[in-house]
PDBML (XML) file of the C-alpha atoms, coordinates in Angstrom:
<?xml version="1.0" encoding="UTF-8" ?>
<PDBx:datablock datablockName="MODEL"
   xmlns:PDBx="http://pdbml.pdb.org/schema/pdbx-v50.xsd"
   xmlns:xsi="http://www.w3.org/2001/XMLSchema-instance"
   xsi:schemaLocation="http://pdbml.pdb.org/schema/pdbx-v50.xsd pdbx-v50.xsd">
   <PDBx:atom_siteCategory>
      <PDBx:atom_site id="1">
         <PDBx:B_iso_or_equiv>0.00</PDBx:B_iso_or_equiv>
         <PDBx:Cartn_x>19.450</PDBx:Cartn_x>
         <PDBx:Cartn_y>-53.679</PDBx:Cartn_y>
         <PDBx:Cartn_z>67.943</PDBx:Cartn_z>
         <PDBx:auth_asym_id>A</PDBx:auth_asym_id>
         <PDBx:auth_atom_id>CA</PDBx:auth_atom_id>
         <PDBx:auth_comp_id>ILE</PDBx:auth_comp_id>
         <PDBx:auth_seq_id>1</PDBx:auth_seq_id>
         <PDBx:group_PDB>ATOM</PDBx:group_PDB>
         <PDBx:label_alt_id xsi:nil="true" />
         <PDBx:label_asym_id>A</PDBx:label_asym_id>
         <PDBx:label_atom_id>CA</PDBx:label_atom_id>
         <PDBx:label_comp_id>ILE</PDBx:label_comp_id>
         <PDBx:label_entity_id>1</PDBx:label_entity_id>
         <PDBx:label_seq_id>1</PDBx:label_seq_id>
         <PDBx:occupancy>1.00</PDBx:occupancy>
         <PDBx:pdbx_PDB_model_num>1</PDBx:pdbx_PDB_model_num>
         <PDBx:type_symbol>C</PDBx:type_symbol>
      </PDBx:atom_site>
      <PDBx:atom_site id="2">
         <PDBx:B_iso_or_equiv>0.00</PDBx:B_iso_or_equiv>
         <PDBx:Cartn_x>20.524</PDBx:Cartn_x>
         <PDBx:Cartn_y>-50.179</PDBx:Cartn_y>
         <PDBx:Cartn_z>66.803</PDBx:Cartn_z>
         <PDBx:auth_asym_id>A</PDBx:auth_asym_id>
         <PDBx:auth_atom_id>CA</PDBx:auth_atom_id>
         <PDBx:auth_comp_id>GLU</PDBx:auth_comp_id>
         <PDBx:auth_seq_id>2</PDBx:auth_seq_id>
         <PDBx:group_PDB>ATOM</PDBx:group_PDB>
         <PDBx:label_alt_id xsi:nil="true" />
         <PDBx:label_asym_id>A</PDBx:label_asym_id>
         <PDBx:label_atom_id>CA</PDBx:label_atom_id>
         <PDBx:label_comp_id>GLU</PDBx:label_comp_id>
         <PDBx:label_entity_id>1</PDBx:label_entity_id>
         <PDBx:label_seq_id>2</PDBx:label_seq_id>
         <PDBx:occupancy>1.00</PDBx:occupancy>
         <PDBx:pdbx_PDB_model_num>1</PDBx:pdbx_PDB_model_num>
         <PDBx:type_symbol>C</PDBx:type_symbol>
      </PDBx:atom_site>
      <PDBx:atom_site id="3">
         <PDBx:B_iso_or_equiv>0.00</PDBx:B_iso_or_equiv>
         <PDBx:Cartn_x>16.953</PDBx:Cartn_x>
         <PDBx:Cartn_y>-49.045</PDBx:Cartn_y>
         <PDBx:Cartn_z>66.852</PDBx:Cartn_z>
         <PDBx:auth_asym_id>A</PDBx:auth_asym_id>
         <PDBx:auth_atom_id>CA</PDBx:auth_atom_id>
         <PDBx:auth_comp_id>TRP</PDBx:auth_comp_id>
         <PDBx:auth_seq_id>3</PDBx:auth_seq_id>
         <PDBx:group_PDB>ATOM</PDBx:group_PDB>
         <PDBx:label_alt_id xsi:nil="true" />
         <PDBx:label_asym_id>A</PDBx:label_asym_id>
         <PDBx:label_atom_id>CA</PDBx:label_atom_id>
         <PDBx:label_comp_id>TRP</PDBx:label_comp_id>
         <PDBx:label_entity_id>1</PDBx:label_entity_id>
         <PDBx:label_seq_id>3</PDBx:label_seq_id>
         <PDBx:occupancy>1.00</PDBx:occupancy>
         <PDBx:pdbx_PDB_model_num>1</PDBx:pdbx_PDB_model_num>
         <PDBx:type_symbol>C</PDBx:type_symbol>
      </PDBx:atom_site>
      <PDBx:atom_site id="4">
         <PDBx:B_iso_or_equiv>0.00</PDBx:B_iso_or_equiv>
         <PDBx:Cartn_x>16.572</PDBx:Cartn_x>
         <PDBx:Cartn_y>-50.118</PDBx:Cartn_y>
         <PDBx:Cartn_z>70.669</PDBx:Cartn_z>
         <PDBx:auth_asym_id>A</PDBx:auth_asym_id>
         <PDBx:auth_atom_id>CA</PDBx:auth_atom_id>
         <PDBx:auth_comp_id>TYR</PDBx:auth_comp_id>
         <PDBx:auth_seq_id>4</PDBx:auth_seq_id>
         <PDBx:group_PDB>ATOM</PDBx:group_PDB>
         <PDBx:label_alt_id xsi:nil="true" />
         <PDBx:label_asym_id>A</PDBx:label_asym_id>
         <PDBx:label_atom_id>CA</PDBx:label_atom_id>
         <PDBx:label_comp_id>TYR</PDBx:label_comp_id>
         <PDBx:label_entity_id>1</PDBx:label_entity_id>
         <PDBx:label_seq_id>4</PDBx:label_seq_id>
         <PDBx:occupancy>1.00</PDBx:occupancy>
         <PDBx:pdbx_PDB_model_num>1</PDBx:pdbx_PDB_model_num>
         <PDBx:type_symbol>C</PDBx:type_symbol>
      </PDBx:atom_site>
      <PDBx:atom_site id="5">
         <PDBx:B_iso_or_equiv>0.00</PDBx:B_iso_or_equiv>
         <PDBx:Cartn_x>19.962</PDBx:Cartn_x>
         <PDBx:Cartn_y>-48.423</PDBx:Cartn_y>
         <PDBx:Cartn_z>71.554</PDBx:Cartn_z>
         <PDBx:auth_asym_id>A</PDBx:auth_asym_id>
         <PDBx:auth_atom_id>CA</PDBx:auth_atom_id>
         <PDBx:auth_comp_id>LYS</PDBx:auth_comp_id>
         <PDBx:auth_seq_id>5</PDBx:auth_seq_id>
         <PDBx:group_PDB>ATOM</PDBx:group_PDB>
         <PDBx:label_alt_id xsi:nil="true" />
         <PDBx:label_asym_id>A</PDBx:label_asym_id>
         <PDBx:label_atom_id>CA</PDBx:label_atom_id>
         <PDBx:label_comp_id>LYS</PDBx:label_comp_id>
         <PDBx:label_entity_id>1</PDBx:label_entity_id>
         <PDBx:label_seq_id>5</PDBx:label_seq_id>
         <PDBx:occupancy>1.00</PDBx:occupancy>
         <PDBx:pdbx_PDB_model_num>1</PDBx:pdbx_PDB_model_num>
         <PDBx:type_symbol>C</PDBx:type_symbol>
      </PDBx:atom_site>
      <PDBx:atom_site id="6">
         <PDBx:B_iso_or_equiv>0.00</PDBx:B_iso_or_equiv>
         <PDBx:Cartn_x>18.779</PDBx:Cartn_x>
         <PDBx:Cartn_y>-45.117</PDBx:Cartn_y>
         <PDBx:Cartn_z>70.027</PDBx:Cartn_z>
         <PDBx:auth_asym_id>A</PDBx:auth_asym_id>
         <PDBx:auth_atom_id>CA</PDBx:auth_atom_id>
         <PDBx:auth_comp_id>ARG</PDBx:auth_comp_id>
         <PDBx:auth_seq_id>6</PDBx:auth_seq_id>
         <PDBx:group_PDB>ATOM</PDBx:group_PDB>
         <PDBx:label_alt_id xsi:nil="true" />
         <PDBx:label_asym_id>A</PDBx:label_asym_id>
         <PDBx:label_atom_id>CA</PDBx:label_atom_id>
         <PDBx:label_comp_id>ARG</PDBx:label_comp_id>
         <PDBx:label_entity_id>1</PDBx:label_entity_id>
         <PDBx:label_seq_id>6</PDBx:label_seq_id>
         <PDBx:occupancy>1.00</PDBx:occupancy>
         <PDBx:pdbx_PDB_model_num>1</PDBx:pdbx_PDB_model_num>
         <PDBx:type_symbol>C</PDBx:type_symbol>
      </PDBx:atom_site>
      <PDBx:atom_site id="7">
         <PDBx:B_iso_or_equiv>0.00</PDBx:B_iso_or_equiv>
         <PDBx:Cartn_x>15.937</PDBx:Cartn_x>
         <PDBx:Cartn_y>-45.563</PDBx:Cartn_y>
         <PDBx:Cartn_z>72.508</PDBx:Cartn_z>
         <PDBx:auth_asym_id>A</PDBx:auth_asym_id>
         <PDBx:auth_atom_id>CA</PDBx:auth_atom_id>
         <PDBx:auth_comp_id>HIS</PDBx:auth_comp_id>
         <PDBx:auth_seq_id>7</PDBx:auth_seq_id>
         <PDBx:group_PDB>ATOM</PDBx:group_PDB>
         <PDBx:label_alt_id xsi:nil="true" />
         <PDBx:label_asym_id>A</PDBx:label_asym_id>
         <PDBx:label_atom_id>CA</PDBx:label_atom_id>
         <PDBx:label_comp_id>HIS</PDBx:label_comp_id>
         <PDBx:label_entity_id>1</PDBx:label_entity_id>
         <PDBx:label_seq_id>7</PDBx:label_seq_id>
         <PDBx:occupancy>1.00</PDBx:occupancy>
         <PDBx:pdbx_PDB_model_num>1</PDBx:pdbx_PDB_model_num>
         <PDBx:type_symbol>C</PDBx:type_symbol>
      </PDBx:atom_site>
      <PDBx:atom_site id="8">
         <PDBx:B_iso_or_equiv>0.00</PDBx:B_iso_or_equiv>
         <PDBx:Cartn_x>18.177</PDBx:Cartn_x>
         <PDBx:Cartn_y>-45.971</PDBx:Cartn_y>
         <PDBx:Cartn_z>75.554</PDBx:Cartn_z>
         <PDBx:auth_asym_id>A</PDBx:auth_asym_id>
         <PDBx:auth_atom_id>CA</PDBx:auth_atom_id>
         <PDBx:auth_comp_id>GLY</PDBx:auth_comp_id>
         <PDBx:auth_seq_id>8</PDBx:auth_seq_id>
         <PDBx:group_PDB>ATOM</PDBx:group_PDB>
         <PDBx:label_alt_id xsi:nil="true" />
         <PDBx:label_asym_id>A</PDBx:label_asym_id>
         <PDBx:label_atom_id>CA</PDBx:label_atom_id>
         <PDBx:label_comp_id>GLY</PDBx:label_comp_id>
         <PDBx:label_entity_id>1</PDBx:label_entity_id>
         <PDBx:label_seq_id>8</PDBx:label_seq_id>
         <PDBx:occupancy>1.00</PDBx:occupancy>
         <PDBx:pdbx_PDB_model_num>1</PDBx:pdbx_PDB_model_num>
         <PDBx:type_symbol>C</PDBx:type_symbol>
      </PDBx:atom_site>
      <PDBx:atom_site id="9">
         <PDBx:B_iso_or_equiv>0.00</PDBx:B_iso_or_equiv>
         <PDBx:Cartn_x>18.667</PDBx:Cartn_x>
         <PDBx:Cartn_y>-49.743</PDBx:Cartn_y>
         <PDBx:Cartn_z>75.726</PDBx:Cartn_z>
         <PDBx:auth_asym_id>A</PDBx:auth_asym_id>
         <PDBx:auth_atom_id>CA</PDBx:auth_atom_id>
         <PDBx:auth_comp_id>TYR</PDBx:auth_comp_id>
         <PDBx:auth_seq_id>9</PDBx:auth_seq_id>
         <PDBx:group_PDB>ATOM</PDBx:group_PDB>
         <PDBx:label_alt_id xsi:nil="true" />
         <PDBx:label_asym_id>A</PDBx:label_asym_id>
         <PDBx:label_atom_id>CA</PDBx:label_atom_id>
         <PDBx:label_comp_id>TYR</PDBx:label_comp_id>
         <PDBx:label_entity_id>1</PDBx:label_entity_id>
         <PDBx:label_seq_id>9</PDBx:label_seq_id>
         <PDBx:occupancy>1.00</PDBx:occupancy>
         <PDBx:pdbx_PDB_model_num>1</PDBx:pdbx_PDB_model_num>
         <PDBx:type_symbol>C</PDBx:type_symbol>
      </PDBx:atom_site>
      <PDBx:atom_site id="10">
         <PDBx:B_iso_or_equiv>0.00</PDBx:B_iso_or_equiv>
         <PDBx:Cartn_x>22.123</PDBx:Cartn_x>
         <PDBx:Cartn_y>-51.029</PDBx:Cartn_y>
         <PDBx:Cartn_z>76.277</PDBx:Cartn_z>
         <PDBx:auth_asym_id>A</PDBx:auth_asym_id>
         <PDBx:auth_atom_id>CA</PDBx:auth_atom_id>
         <PDBx:auth_comp_id>VAL</PDBx:auth_comp_id>
         <PDBx:auth_seq_id>10</PDBx:auth_seq_id>
         <PDBx:group_PDB>ATOM</PDBx:group_PDB>
         <PDBx:label_alt_id xsi:nil="true" />
         <PDBx:label_asym_id>A</PDBx:label_asym_id>
         <PDBx:label_atom_id>CA</PDBx:label_atom_id>
         <PDBx:label_comp_id>VAL</PDBx:label_comp_id>
         <PDBx:label_entity_id>1</PDBx:label_entity_id>
         <PDBx:label_seq_id>10</PDBx:label_seq_id>
         <PDBx:occupancy>1.00</PDBx:occupancy>
         <PDBx:pdbx_PDB_model_num>1</PDBx:pdbx_PDB_model_num>
         <PDBx:type_symbol>C</PDBx:type_symbol>
      </PDBx:atom_site>
      <PDBx:atom_site id="11">
         <PDBx:B_iso_or_equiv>0.00</PDBx:B_iso_or_equiv>
         <PDBx:Cartn_x>23.786</PDBx:Cartn_x>
         <PDBx:Cartn_y>-54.442</PDBx:Cartn_y>
         <PDBx:Cartn_z>75.577</PDBx:Cartn_z>
         <PDBx:auth_asym_id>A</PDBx:auth_asym_id>
         <PDBx:auth_atom_id>CA</PDBx:auth_atom_id>
         <PDBx:auth_comp_id>ASP</PDBx:auth_comp_id>
         <PDBx:auth_seq_id>11</PDBx:auth_seq_id>
         <PDBx:group_PDB>ATOM</PDBx:group_PDB>
         <PDBx:label_alt_id xsi:nil="true" />
         <PDBx:label_asym_id>A</PDBx:label_asym_id>
         <PDBx:label_atom_id>CA</PDBx:label_atom_id>
         <PDBx:label_comp_id>ASP</PDBx:label_comp_id>
         <PDBx:label_entity_id>1</PDBx:label_entity_id>
         <PDBx:label_seq_id>11</PDBx:label_seq_id>
         <PDBx:occupancy>1.00</PDBx:occupancy>
         <PDBx:pdbx_PDB_model_num>1</PDBx:pdbx_PDB_model_num>
         <PDBx:type_symbol>C</PDBx:type_symbol>
      </PDBx:atom_site>
      <PDBx:atom_site id="12">
         <PDBx:B_iso_or_equiv>0.00</PDBx:B_iso_or_equiv>
         <PDBx:Cartn_x>24.303</PDBx:Cartn_x>
         <PDBx:Cartn_y>-56.144</PDBx:Cartn_y>
         <PDBx:Cartn_z>79.081</PDBx:Cartn_z>
         <PDBx:auth_asym_id>A</PDBx:auth_asym_id>
         <PDBx:auth_atom_id>CA</PDBx:auth_atom_id>
         <PDBx:auth_comp_id>THR</PDBx:auth_comp_id>
         <PDBx:auth_seq_id>12</PDBx:auth_seq_id>
         <PDBx:group_PDB>ATOM</PDBx:group_PDB>
         <PDBx:label_alt_id xsi:nil="true" />
         <PDBx:label_asym_id>A</PDBx:label_asym_id>
         <PDBx:label_atom_id>CA</PDBx:label_atom_id>
         <PDBx:label_comp_id>THR</PDBx:label_comp_id>
         <PDBx:label_entity_id>1</PDBx:label_entity_id>
         <PDBx:label_seq_id>12</PDBx:label_seq_id>
         <PDBx:occupancy>1.00</PDBx:occupancy>
         <PDBx:pdbx_PDB_model_num>1</PDBx:pdbx_PDB_model_num>
         <PDBx:type_symbol>C</PDBx:type_symbol>
      </PDBx:atom_site>
      <PDBx:atom_site id="13">
         <PDBx:B_iso_or_equiv>0.00</PDBx:B_iso_or_equiv>
         <PDBx:Cartn_x>26.829</PDBx:Cartn_x>
         <PDBx:Cartn_y>-58.517</PDBx:Cartn_y>
         <PDBx:Cartn_z>77.440</PDBx:Cartn_z>
         <PDBx:auth_asym_id>A</PDBx:auth_asym_id>
         <PDBx:auth_atom_id>CA</PDBx:auth_atom_id>
         <PDBx:auth_comp_id>GLY</PDBx:auth_comp_id>
         <PDBx:auth_seq_id>13</PDBx:auth_seq_id>
         <PDBx:group_PDB>ATOM</PDBx:group_PDB>
         <PDBx:label_alt_id xsi:nil="true" />
         <PDBx:label_asym_id>A</PDBx:label_asym_id>
         <PDBx:label_atom_id>CA</PDBx:label_atom_id>
         <PDBx:label_comp_id>GLY</PDBx:label_comp_id>
         <PDBx:label_entity_id>1</PDBx:label_entity_id>
         <PDBx:label_seq_id>13</PDBx:label_seq_id>
         <PDBx:occupancy>1.00</PDBx:occupancy>
         <PDBx:pdbx_PDB_model_num>1</PDBx:pdbx_PDB_model_num>
         <PDBx:type_symbol>C</PDBx:type_symbol>
      </PDBx:atom_site>
      <PDBx:atom_site id="14">
         <PDBx:B_iso_or_equiv>0.00</PDBx:B_iso_or_equiv>
         <PDBx:Cartn_x>24.466</PDBx:Cartn_x>
         <PDBx:Cartn_y>-61.402</PDBx:Cartn_y>
         <PDBx:Cartn_z>78.280</PDBx:Cartn_z>
         <PDBx:auth_asym_id>A</PDBx:auth_asym_id>
         <PDBx:auth_atom_id>CA</PDBx:auth_atom_id>
         <PDBx:auth_comp_id>VAL</PDBx:auth_comp_id>
         <PDBx:auth_seq_id>14</PDBx:auth_seq_id>
         <PDBx:group_PDB>ATOM</PDBx:group_PDB>
         <PDBx:label_alt_id xsi:nil="true" />
         <PDBx:label_asym_id>A</PDBx:label_asym_id>
         <PDBx:label_atom_id>CA</PDBx:label_atom_id>
         <PDBx:label_comp_id>VAL</PDBx:label_comp_id>
         <PDBx:label_entity_id>1</PDBx:label_entity_id>
         <PDBx:label_seq_id>14</PDBx:label_seq_id>
         <PDBx:occupancy>1.00</PDBx:occupancy>
         <PDBx:pdbx_PDB_model_num>1</PDBx:pdbx_PDB_model_num>
         <PDBx:type_symbol>C</PDBx:type_symbol>
      </PDBx:atom_site>
      <PDBx:atom_site id="15">
         <PDBx:B_iso_or_equiv>0.00</PDBx:B_iso_or_equiv>
         <PDBx:Cartn_x>23.831</PDBx:Cartn_x>
         <PDBx:Cartn_y>-63.974</PDBx:Cartn_y>
         <PDBx:Cartn_z>75.646</PDBx:Cartn_z>
         <PDBx:auth_asym_id>A</PDBx:auth_asym_id>
         <PDBx:auth_atom_id>CA</PDBx:auth_atom_id>
         <PDBx:auth_comp_id>ARG</PDBx:auth_comp_id>
         <PDBx:auth_seq_id>15</PDBx:auth_seq_id>
         <PDBx:group_PDB>ATOM</PDBx:group_PDB>
         <PDBx:label_alt_id xsi:nil="true" />
         <PDBx:label_asym_id>A</PDBx:label_asym_id>
         <PDBx:label_atom_id>CA</PDBx:label_atom_id>
         <PDBx:label_comp_id>ARG</PDBx:label_comp_id>
         <PDBx:label_entity_id>1</PDBx:label_entity_id>
         <PDBx:label_seq_id>15</PDBx:label_seq_id>
         <PDBx:occupancy>1.00</PDBx:occupancy>
         <PDBx:pdbx_PDB_model_num>1</PDBx:pdbx_PDB_model_num>
         <PDBx:type_symbol>C</PDBx:type_symbol>
      </PDBx:atom_site>
      <PDBx:atom_site id="16">
         <PDBx:B_iso_or_equiv>0.00</PDBx:B_iso_or_equiv>
         <PDBx:Cartn_x>21.046</PDBx:Cartn_x>
         <PDBx:Cartn_y>-66.578</PDBx:Cartn_y>
         <PDBx:Cartn_z>75.874</PDBx:Cartn_z>
         <PDBx:auth_asym_id>A</PDBx:auth_asym_id>
         <PDBx:auth_atom_id>CA</PDBx:auth_atom_id>
         <PDBx:auth_comp_id>GLU</PDBx:auth_comp_id>
         <PDBx:auth_seq_id>16</PDBx:auth_seq_id>
         <PDBx:group_PDB>ATOM</PDBx:group_PDB>
         <PDBx:label_alt_id xsi:nil="true" />
         <PDBx:label_asym_id>A</PDBx:label_asym_id>
         <PDBx:label_atom_id>CA</PDBx:label_atom_id>
         <PDBx:label_comp_id>GLU</PDBx:label_comp_id>
         <PDBx:label_entity_id>1</PDBx:label_entity_id>
         <PDBx:label_seq_id>16</PDBx:label_seq_id>
         <PDBx:occupancy>1.00</PDBx:occupancy>
         <PDBx:pdbx_PDB_model_num>1</PDBx:pdbx_PDB_model_num>
         <PDBx:type_symbol>C</PDBx:type_symbol>
      </PDBx:atom_site>
      <PDBx:atom_site id="17">
         <PDBx:B_iso_or_equiv>0.00</PDBx:B_iso_or_equiv>
         <PDBx:Cartn_x>20.551</PDBx:Cartn_x>
         <PDBx:Cartn_y>-69.547</PDBx:Cartn_y>
         <PDBx:Cartn_z>73.451</PDBx:Cartn_z>
         <PDBx:auth_asym_id>A</PDBx:auth_asym_id>
         <PDBx:auth_atom_id>CA</PDBx:auth_atom_id>
         <PDBx:auth_comp_id>PRO</PDBx:auth_comp_id>
         <PDBx:auth_seq_id>17</PDBx:auth_seq_id>
         <PDBx:group_PDB>ATOM</PDBx:group_PDB>
         <PDBx:label_alt_id xsi:nil="true" />
         <PDBx:label_asym_id>A</PDBx:label_asym_id>
         <PDBx:label_atom_id>CA</PDBx:label_atom_id>
         <PDBx:label_comp_id>PRO</PDBx:label_comp_id>
         <PDBx:label_entity_id>1</PDBx:label_entity_id>
         <PDBx:label_seq_id>17</PDBx:label_seq_id>
         <PDBx:occupancy>1.00</PDBx:occupancy>
         <PDBx:pdbx_PDB_model_num>1</PDBx:pdbx_PDB_model_num>
         <PDBx:type_symbol>C</PDBx:type_symbol>
      </PDBx:atom_site>
      <PDBx:atom_site id="18">
         <PDBx:B_iso_or_equiv>0.00</PDBx:B_iso_or_equiv>
         <PDBx:Cartn_x>17.976</PDBx:Cartn_x>
         <PDBx:Cartn_y>-69.374</PDBx:Cartn_y>
         <PDBx:Cartn_z>70.814</PDBx:Cartn_z>
         <PDBx:auth_asym_id>A</PDBx:auth_asym_id>
         <PDBx:auth_atom_id>CA</PDBx:auth_atom_id>
         <PDBx:auth_comp_id>PHE</PDBx:auth_comp_id>
         <PDBx:auth_seq_id>18</PDBx:auth_seq_id>
         <PDBx:group_PDB>ATOM</PDBx:group_PDB>
         <PDBx:label_alt_id xsi:nil="true" />
         <PDBx:label_asym_id>A</PDBx:label_asym_id>
         <PDBx:label_atom_id>CA</PDBx:label_atom_id>
         <PDBx:label_comp_id>PHE</PDBx:label_comp_id>
         <PDBx:label_entity_id>1</PDBx:label_entity_id>
         <PDBx:label_seq_id>18</PDBx:label_seq_id>
         <PDBx:occupancy>1.00</PDBx:occupancy>
         <PDBx:pdbx_PDB_model_num>1</PDBx:pdbx_PDB_model_num>
         <PDBx:type_symbol>C</PDBx:type_symbol>
      </PDBx:atom_site>
      <PDBx:atom_site id="19">
         <PDBx:B_iso_or_equiv>0.00</PDBx:B_iso_or_equiv>
         <PDBx:Cartn_x>15.437</PDBx:Cartn_x>
         <PDBx:Cartn_y>-71.917</PDBx:Cartn_y>
         <PDBx:Cartn_z>71.352</PDBx:Cartn_z>
         <PDBx:auth_asym_id>A</PDBx:auth_asym_id>
         <PDBx:auth_atom_id>CA</PDBx:auth_atom_id>
         <PDBx:auth_comp_id>LEU</PDBx:auth_comp_id>
         <PDBx:auth_seq_id>19</PDBx:auth_seq_id>
         <PDBx:group_PDB>ATOM</PDBx:group_PDB>
         <PDBx:label_alt_id xsi:nil="true" />
         <PDBx:label_asym_id>A</PDBx:label_asym_id>
         <PDBx:label_atom_id>CA</PDBx:label_atom_id>
         <PDBx:label_comp_id>LEU</PDBx:label_comp_id>
         <PDBx:label_entity_id>1</PDBx:label_entity_id>
         <PDBx:label_seq_id>19</PDBx:label_seq_id>
         <PDBx:occupancy>1.00</PDBx:occupancy>
         <PDBx:pdbx_PDB_model_num>1</PDBx:pdbx_PDB_model_num>
         <PDBx:type_symbol>C</PDBx:type_symbol>
      </PDBx:atom_site>
      <PDBx:atom_site id="20">
         <PDBx:B_iso_or_equiv>0.00</PDBx:B_iso_or_equiv>
         <PDBx:Cartn_x>12.965</PDBx:Cartn_x>
         <PDBx:Cartn_y>-73.143</PDBx:Cartn_y>
         <PDBx:Cartn_z>68.499</PDBx:Cartn_z>
         <PDBx:auth_asym_id>A</PDBx:auth_asym_id>
         <PDBx:auth_atom_id>CA</PDBx:auth_atom_id>
         <PDBx:auth_comp_id>LEU</PDBx:auth_comp_id>
         <PDBx:auth_seq_id>20</PDBx:auth_seq_id>
         <PDBx:group_PDB>ATOM</PDBx:group_PDB>
         <PDBx:label_alt_id xsi:nil="true" />
         <PDBx:label_asym_id>A</PDBx:label_asym_id>
         <PDBx:label_atom_id>CA</PDBx:label_atom_id>
         <PDBx:label_comp_id>LEU</PDBx:label_comp_id>
         <PDBx:label_entity_id>1</PDBx:label_entity_id>
         <PDBx:label_seq_id>20</PDBx:label_seq_id>
         <PDBx:occupancy>1.00</PDBx:occupancy>
         <PDBx:pdbx_PDB_model_num>1</PDBx:pdbx_PDB_model_num>
         <PDBx:type_symbol>C</PDBx:type_symbol>
      </PDBx:atom_site>
      <PDBx:atom_site id="21">
         <PDBx:B_iso_or_equiv>0.00</PDBx:B_iso_or_equiv>
         <PDBx:Cartn_x>9.318</PDBx:Cartn_x>
         <PDBx:Cartn_y>-73.223</PDBx:Cartn_y>
         <PDBx:Cartn_z>69.079</PDBx:Cartn_z>
         <PDBx:auth_asym_id>A</PDBx:auth_asym_id>
         <PDBx:auth_atom_id>CA</PDBx:auth_atom_id>
         <PDBx:auth_comp_id>ASN</PDBx:auth_comp_id>
         <PDBx:auth_seq_id>21</PDBx:auth_seq_id>
         <PDBx:group_PDB>ATOM</PDBx:group_PDB>
         <PDBx:label_alt_id xsi:nil="true" />
         <PDBx:label_asym_id>A</PDBx:label_asym_id>
         <PDBx:label_atom_id>CA</PDBx:label_atom_id>
         <PDBx:label_comp_id>ASN</PDBx:label_comp_id>
         <PDBx:label_entity_id>1</PDBx:label_entity_id>
         <PDBx:label_seq_id>21</PDBx:label_seq_id>
         <PDBx:occupancy>1.00</PDBx:occupancy>
         <PDBx:pdbx_PDB_model_num>1</PDBx:pdbx_PDB_model_num>
         <PDBx:type_symbol>C</PDBx:type_symbol>
      </PDBx:atom_site>
      <PDBx:atom_site id="22">
         <PDBx:B_iso_or_equiv>0.00</PDBx:B_iso_or_equiv>
         <PDBx:Cartn_x>7.507</PDBx:Cartn_x>
         <PDBx:Cartn_y>-76.281</PDBx:Cartn_y>
         <PDBx:Cartn_z>67.655</PDBx:Cartn_z>
         <PDBx:auth_asym_id>A</PDBx:auth_asym_id>
         <PDBx:auth_atom_id>CA</PDBx:auth_atom_id>
         <PDBx:auth_comp_id>ASP</PDBx:auth_comp_id>
         <PDBx:auth_seq_id>22</PDBx:auth_seq_id>
         <PDBx:group_PDB>ATOM</PDBx:group_PDB>
         <PDBx:label_alt_id xsi:nil="true" />
         <PDBx:label_asym_id>A</PDBx:label_asym_id>
         <PDBx:label_atom_id>CA</PDBx:label_atom_id>
         <PDBx:label_comp_id>ASP</PDBx:label_comp_id>
         <PDBx:label_entity_id>1</PDBx:label_entity_id>
         <PDBx:label_seq_id>22</PDBx:label_seq_id>
         <PDBx:occupancy>1.00</PDBx:occupancy>
         <PDBx:pdbx_PDB_model_num>1</PDBx:pdbx_PDB_model_num>
         <PDBx:type_symbol>C</PDBx:type_symbol>
      </PDBx:atom_site>
      <PDBx:atom_site id="23">
         <PDBx:B_iso_or_equiv>0.00</PDBx:B_iso_or_equiv>
         <PDBx:Cartn_x>6.397</PDBx:Cartn_x>
         <PDBx:Cartn_y>-74.117</PDBx:Cartn_y>
         <PDBx:Cartn_z>64.490</PDBx:Cartn_z>
         <PDBx:auth_asym_id>A</PDBx:auth_asym_id>
         <PDBx:auth_atom_id>CA</PDBx:auth_atom_id>
         <PDBx:auth_comp_id>SER</PDBx:auth_comp_id>
         <PDBx:auth_seq_id>23</PDBx:auth_seq_id>
         <PDBx:group_PDB>ATOM</PDBx:group_PDB>
         <PDBx:label_alt_id xsi:nil="true" />
         <PDBx:label_asym_id>A</PDBx:label_asym_id>
         <PDBx:label_atom_id>CA</PDBx:label_atom_id>
         <PDBx:label_comp_id>SER</PDBx:label_comp_id>
         <PDBx:label_entity_id>1</PDBx:label_entity_id>
         <PDBx:label_seq_id>23</PDBx:label_seq_id>
         <PDBx:occupancy>1.00</PDBx:occupancy>
         <PDBx:pdbx_PDB_model_num>1</PDBx:pdbx_PDB_model_num>
         <PDBx:type_symbol>C</PDBx:type_symbol>
      </PDBx:atom_site>
      <PDBx:atom_site id="24">
         <PDBx:B_iso_or_equiv>0.00</PDBx:B_iso_or_equiv>
         <PDBx:Cartn_x>9.792</PDBx:Cartn_x>
         <PDBx:Cartn_y>-72.487</PDBx:Cartn_y>
         <PDBx:Cartn_z>63.932</PDBx:Cartn_z>
         <PDBx:auth_asym_id>A</PDBx:auth_asym_id>
         <PDBx:auth_atom_id>CA</PDBx:auth_atom_id>
         <PDBx:auth_comp_id>ASP</PDBx:auth_comp_id>
         <PDBx:auth_seq_id>24</PDBx:auth_seq_id>
         <PDBx:group_PDB>ATOM</PDBx:group_PDB>
         <PDBx:label_alt_id xsi:nil="true" />
         <PDBx:label_asym_id>A</PDBx:label_asym_id>
         <PDBx:label_atom_id>CA</PDBx:label_atom_id>
         <PDBx:label_comp_id>ASP</PDBx:label_comp_id>
         <PDBx:label_entity_id>1</PDBx:label_entity_id>
         <PDBx:label_seq_id>24</PDBx:label_seq_id>
         <PDBx:occupancy>1.00</PDBx:occupancy>
         <PDBx:pdbx_PDB_model_num>1</PDBx:pdbx_PDB_model_num>
         <PDBx:type_symbol>C</PDBx:type_symbol>
      </PDBx:atom_site>
   </PDBx:atom_siteCategory>
</PDBx:datablock>
């Protein structure tokens, strides 16, 4: 996340559930 922030990305404050794939 810090790497992406250094490249101009910002945290929108939105969170989404982590859904497992069949193989995860």
